[in-house]
Amino acid sequence: MHPPFHGDDAVPPLPPNAPRMRPNRFARGLGRAVLRLGGWRVAGAFPDLPKLVLIGAPHSSNWDGVWGIAVKLALGLDVRILGKHQLFWGPLGPLMRALGVIAVNRNAARGVVDQVAARFHASDRFWIGIAPEGTRKPVERWKTGFWKIAHEAGVPVLPVYFHYPDRVIGIGPPFQTGDDLEHDLAQLRAFYRPWQGKHHGTP
């Protein structure tokens, strides 16, 4: 287990190849202040990779998003998330894009997996974050979209966990998908077994 970062170093340094947001000292200060006030810190280090699918679990509370966004702001890390294209209507469009949301059309001839994989192929640097549980409620099975996207794009999966007893957001080792979906899911879920969400245990 990696030691956590503390105080002003509550987040690890960002590696050179990670995608970055436009420099914004206010946003970085806000993110660090939220983590400091909440008593949260980050354990581990992000890999120096230009493309990956980041998964976050256990996901049991809306607070997960608050702490995750705080880390993103504190680092200036450009991690995208998926959103329905209807959310980009009118004045919401600029706000969604500023938050790092990318529009996907679930009714398009090319499915979501193909749309996101195409985004990977068209980008020099691209990280996307997905909650594999798909809901805050306990689930027996994860949704497999994150695996399909990573496999189709040929990029690794980066497991990140929320461990509420110690208020730690931990970064695991990059995981390269193979040809056996069920085997890969079992390995990833085994990685998450020690970590506990806010309202229920391991995924």
Protein backbone atom coordinates (compact mmCIF):
# COMPACT_ATOMS: atom_id res chain seq x y z
CA MET A 1 0.00 0.00 0.00
CA HIS A 2 1.30 3.44 -0.91
CA PRO A 3 1.66 6.06 1.85
CA PRO A 4 -0.82 8.94 1.63
CA PHE A 5 0.07 12.53 0.84
CA HIS A 6 -0.68 15.08 3.57
CA GLY A 7 -1.29 18.82 4.02
CA ASP A 8 -0.27 20.93 1.04
CA ASP A 9 0.89 17.69 -0.58
CA ALA A 10 -2.53 16.03 -0.21
CA VAL A 11 -2.37 15.17 -3.90
CA PRO A 12 0.56 13.63 -5.79
CA PRO A 13 2.40 15.51 -8.53
CA LEU A 14 0.87 15.12 -11.98
CA PRO A 15 3.06 13.12 -14.41
CA PRO A 16 4.15 14.76 -17.67
CA ASN A 17 1.90 12.77 -20.03
CA ALA A 18 -1.33 13.15 -18.06
CA PRO A 19 -3.90 15.44 -19.73
CA ARG A 20 -4.16 18.83 -18.08
CA MET A 21 -6.82 21.48 -17.71
CA ARG A 22 -6.03 25.09 -18.53
CA PRO A 23 -3.98 26.60 -15.67
CA ASN A 24 -6.29 28.03 -13.01
CA ARG A 25 -4.79 28.90 -9.62
CA PHE A 26 -8.21 29.55 -8.08
CA ALA A 27 -9.54 26.12 -9.10
CA ARG A 28 -6.43 24.36 -7.82
CA GLY A 29 -6.61 26.24 -4.52
CA LEU A 30 -10.31 25.43 -4.19
CA GLY A 31 -9.70 21.73 -4.78
CA ARG A 32 -6.92 21.60 -2.19
CA ALA A 33 -9.03 23.52 0.32
CA VAL A 34 -11.97 21.11 -0.07
CA LEU A 35 -9.68 18.11 0.48
CA ARG A 36 -8.04 19.75 3.47
CA LEU A 37 -11.34 20.69 5.11
CA GLY A 38 -12.75 17.22 4.48
CA GLY A 39 -9.63 15.53 5.83
CA TRP A 40 -9.07 13.62 2.57
CA ARG A 41 -5.75 12.71 0.97
CA VAL A 42 -4.49 10.70 -1.95
CA ALA A 43 -2.39 7.54 -1.72
CA GLY A 44 -0.29 6.35 -4.66
CA ALA A 45 0.65 8.13 -7.85
CA PHE A 46 -0.94 8.53 -11.24
CA PRO A 47 0.87 6.67 -14.05
CA ASP A 48 2.69 8.61 -16.74
CA LEU A 49 0.29 7.55 -19.50
CA PRO A 50 -1.44 9.76 -22.07
CA LYS A 51 -4.55 7.58 -22.39
CA LEU A 52 -6.51 5.44 -19.94
CA VAL A 53 -9.93 4.57 -18.54
CA LEU A 54 -10.12 5.52 -14.86
CA ILE A 55 -12.65 3.61 -12.75
CA GLY A 56 -13.76 4.69 -9.29
CA ALA A 57 -15.28 2.41 -6.63
CA PRO A 58 -16.86 1.66 -4.22
CA HIS A 59 -19.47 4.21 -5.28
CA SER A 60 -22.05 4.56 -2.51
CA SER A 61 -22.59 8.30 -2.05
CA ASN A 62 -22.87 11.56 -3.96
CA TRP A 63 -19.93 12.69 -1.81
CA ASP A 64 -17.70 10.47 -3.94
CA GLY A 65 -18.14 12.96 -6.76
CA VAL A 66 -17.31 15.90 -4.49
CA TRP A 67 -13.99 14.40 -3.39
CA GLY A 68 -13.19 13.18 -6.90
CA ILE A 69 -13.79 16.61 -8.43
CA ALA A 70 -11.71 18.18 -5.64
CA VAL A 71 -8.76 15.96 -6.59
CA LYS A 72 -9.24 16.80 -10.26
CA LEU A 73 -9.24 20.56 -9.53
CA ALA A 74 -6.35 20.36 -7.08
CA LEU A 75 -4.20 18.65 -9.70
CA GLY A 76 -5.46 20.50 -12.75
CA LEU A 77 -6.13 17.03 -14.20
CA ASP A 78 -8.34 16.81 -17.28
CA VAL A 79 -10.44 13.68 -16.65
CA ARG A 80 -13.56 13.50 -18.78
CA ILE A 81 -16.88 11.88 -17.86
CA LEU A 82 -19.80 10.78 -20.02
CA GLY A 83 -23.11 12.61 -20.28
CA LYS A 84 -26.24 12.30 -22.40
CA HIS A 85 -26.14 14.64 -25.39
CA GLN A 86 -29.47 16.15 -24.27
CA LEU A 87 -27.63 17.77 -21.34
CA PHE A 88 -25.80 20.04 -23.77
CA TRP A 89 -28.94 21.87 -24.84
CA GLY A 90 -28.83 25.68 -24.71
CA PRO A 91 -26.91 27.39 -21.88
CA LEU A 92 -26.03 24.08 -20.23
CA GLY A 93 -23.63 23.21 -23.04
CA PRO A 94 -20.74 25.47 -21.99
CA LEU A 95 -21.17 24.44 -18.33
CA MET A 96 -21.09 20.73 -19.20
CA ARG A 97 -17.95 21.18 -21.28
CA ALA A 98 -16.28 23.22 -18.54
CA LEU A 99 -16.94 20.35 -16.10
CA GLY A 100 -15.26 17.91 -18.46
CA VAL A 101 -18.46 16.17 -19.59
CA ILE A 102 -18.46 14.79 -23.12
CA ALA A 103 -21.72 14.22 -24.98
CA VAL A 104 -22.66 10.72 -26.09
CA ASN A 105 -25.75 9.76 -28.07
CA ARG A 106 -27.08 6.44 -26.82
CA ASN A 107 -29.41 6.20 -29.81
CA ALA A 108 -26.69 6.69 -32.43
CA ALA A 109 -25.91 3.92 -34.90
CA ARG A 110 -22.44 3.77 -33.38
CA GLY A 111 -22.84 2.78 -29.74
CA VAL A 112 -21.33 4.56 -26.75
CA VAL A 113 -18.33 2.21 -26.75
CA ASP A 114 -17.53 3.04 -30.37
CA GLN A 115 -18.05 6.77 -29.80
CA VAL A 116 -15.66 6.90 -26.85
CA ALA A 117 -13.12 4.58 -28.50
CA ALA A 118 -13.11 6.91 -31.49
CA ARG A 119 -12.40 9.81 -29.12
CA PHE A 120 -9.39 7.92 -27.81
CA HIS A 121 -8.08 7.25 -31.30
CA ALA A 122 -8.50 10.90 -32.27
CA SER A 123 -6.75 12.32 -29.19
CA ASP A 124 -3.10 12.54 -28.21
CA ARG A 125 -4.03 12.60 -24.52
CA PHE A 126 -7.36 11.44 -23.15
CA TRP A 127 -8.45 10.14 -19.73
CA ILE A 128 -12.05 9.26 -18.98
CA GLY A 129 -13.57 8.41 -15.59
CA ILE A 130 -16.35 5.83 -15.16
CA ALA A 131 -18.10 4.35 -12.11
CA PRO A 132 -18.27 0.62 -12.94
CA GLU A 133 -21.11 -0.01 -10.50
CA GLY A 134 -23.30 2.46 -12.41
CA THR A 135 -25.29 3.33 -9.26
CA ARG A 136 -24.80 4.23 -5.60
CA LYS A 137 -26.69 1.07 -4.51
CA PRO A 138 -24.87 -2.23 -3.84
CA VAL A 139 -24.72 -4.34 -7.00
CA GLU A 140 -23.83 -7.95 -7.66
CA ARG A 141 -22.32 -7.23 -11.06
CA TRP A 142 -20.49 -4.25 -12.49
CA LYS A 143 -21.51 -2.71 -15.76
CA THR A 144 -19.03 -3.73 -18.45
CA GLY A 145 -18.93 -0.55 -20.54
CA PHE A 146 -15.63 0.63 -19.06
CA TRP A 147 -13.94 -2.68 -19.97
CA LYS A 148 -15.34 -2.63 -23.50
CA ILE A 149 -14.15 0.95 -24.04
CA ALA A 150 -10.65 0.22 -22.75
CA HIS A 151 -10.42 -3.01 -24.75
CA GLU A 152 -11.67 -1.42 -27.97
CA ALA A 153 -9.36 1.59 -27.59
CA GLY A 154 -6.37 -0.54 -26.53
CA VAL A 155 -5.75 1.50 -23.37
CA PRO A 156 -5.28 0.39 -19.74
CA VAL A 157 -7.79 0.63 -16.91
CA LEU A 158 -6.68 2.62 -13.85
CA PRO A 159 -8.47 1.54 -10.65
CA VAL A 160 -9.02 4.30 -8.09
CA TYR A 161 -10.72 3.61 -4.76
CA PHE A 162 -12.56 5.55 -2.06
CA HIS A 163 -11.78 4.29 1.46
CA TYR A 164 -13.99 6.24 3.85
CA PRO A 165 -12.71 4.90 7.22
CA ASP A 166 -9.33 6.56 6.57
CA ARG A 167 -10.57 9.24 4.12
CA VAL A 168 -8.18 8.07 1.46
CA ILE A 169 -8.53 8.15 -2.32
CA GLY A 170 -6.11 5.51 -3.55
CA ILE A 171 -4.56 4.96 -6.97
CA GLY A 172 -3.93 1.39 -8.03
CA PRO A 173 -1.66 0.02 -10.75
CA PRO A 174 -2.74 0.26 -14.41
CA PHE A 175 -4.54 -2.88 -15.59
CA GLN A 176 -4.34 -4.03 -19.21
CA THR A 177 -7.44 -5.85 -20.42
CA GLY A 178 -7.14 -9.33 -21.88
CA ASP A 179 -9.52 -11.44 -23.95
CA ASP A 180 -11.50 -12.80 -20.98
CA LEU A 181 -13.95 -10.23 -19.66
CA GLU A 182 -15.06 -12.25 -16.62
CA HIS A 183 -11.47 -13.00 -15.59
CA ASP A 184 -10.53 -9.32 -15.83
CA LEU A 185 -13.58 -8.23 -13.82
CA ALA A 186 -12.77 -10.77 -11.11
CA GLN A 187 -9.21 -9.46 -10.84
CA LEU A 188 -10.34 -5.85 -10.62
CA ARG A 189 -12.98 -6.60 -8.02
CA ALA A 190 -10.38 -8.47 -5.97
CA PHE A 191 -8.26 -5.31 -5.96
CA TYR A 192 -11.19 -3.37 -4.48
CA ARG A 193 -12.03 -5.93 -1.77
CA PRO A 194 -10.22 -4.14 1.12
CA TRP A 195 -11.75 -0.73 0.48
CA GLN A 196 -14.98 0.56 2.02
CA GLY A 197 -17.42 3.11 0.66
CA LYS A 198 -19.44 5.56 2.73
CA HIS A 199 -22.67 3.55 3.00
CA HIS A 200 -21.67 -0.01 2.19
CA GLY A 201 -18.59 -2.14 1.90
CA THR A 202 -16.54 -3.44 -0.97
CA PRO A 203 -17.91 -3.70 -4.53
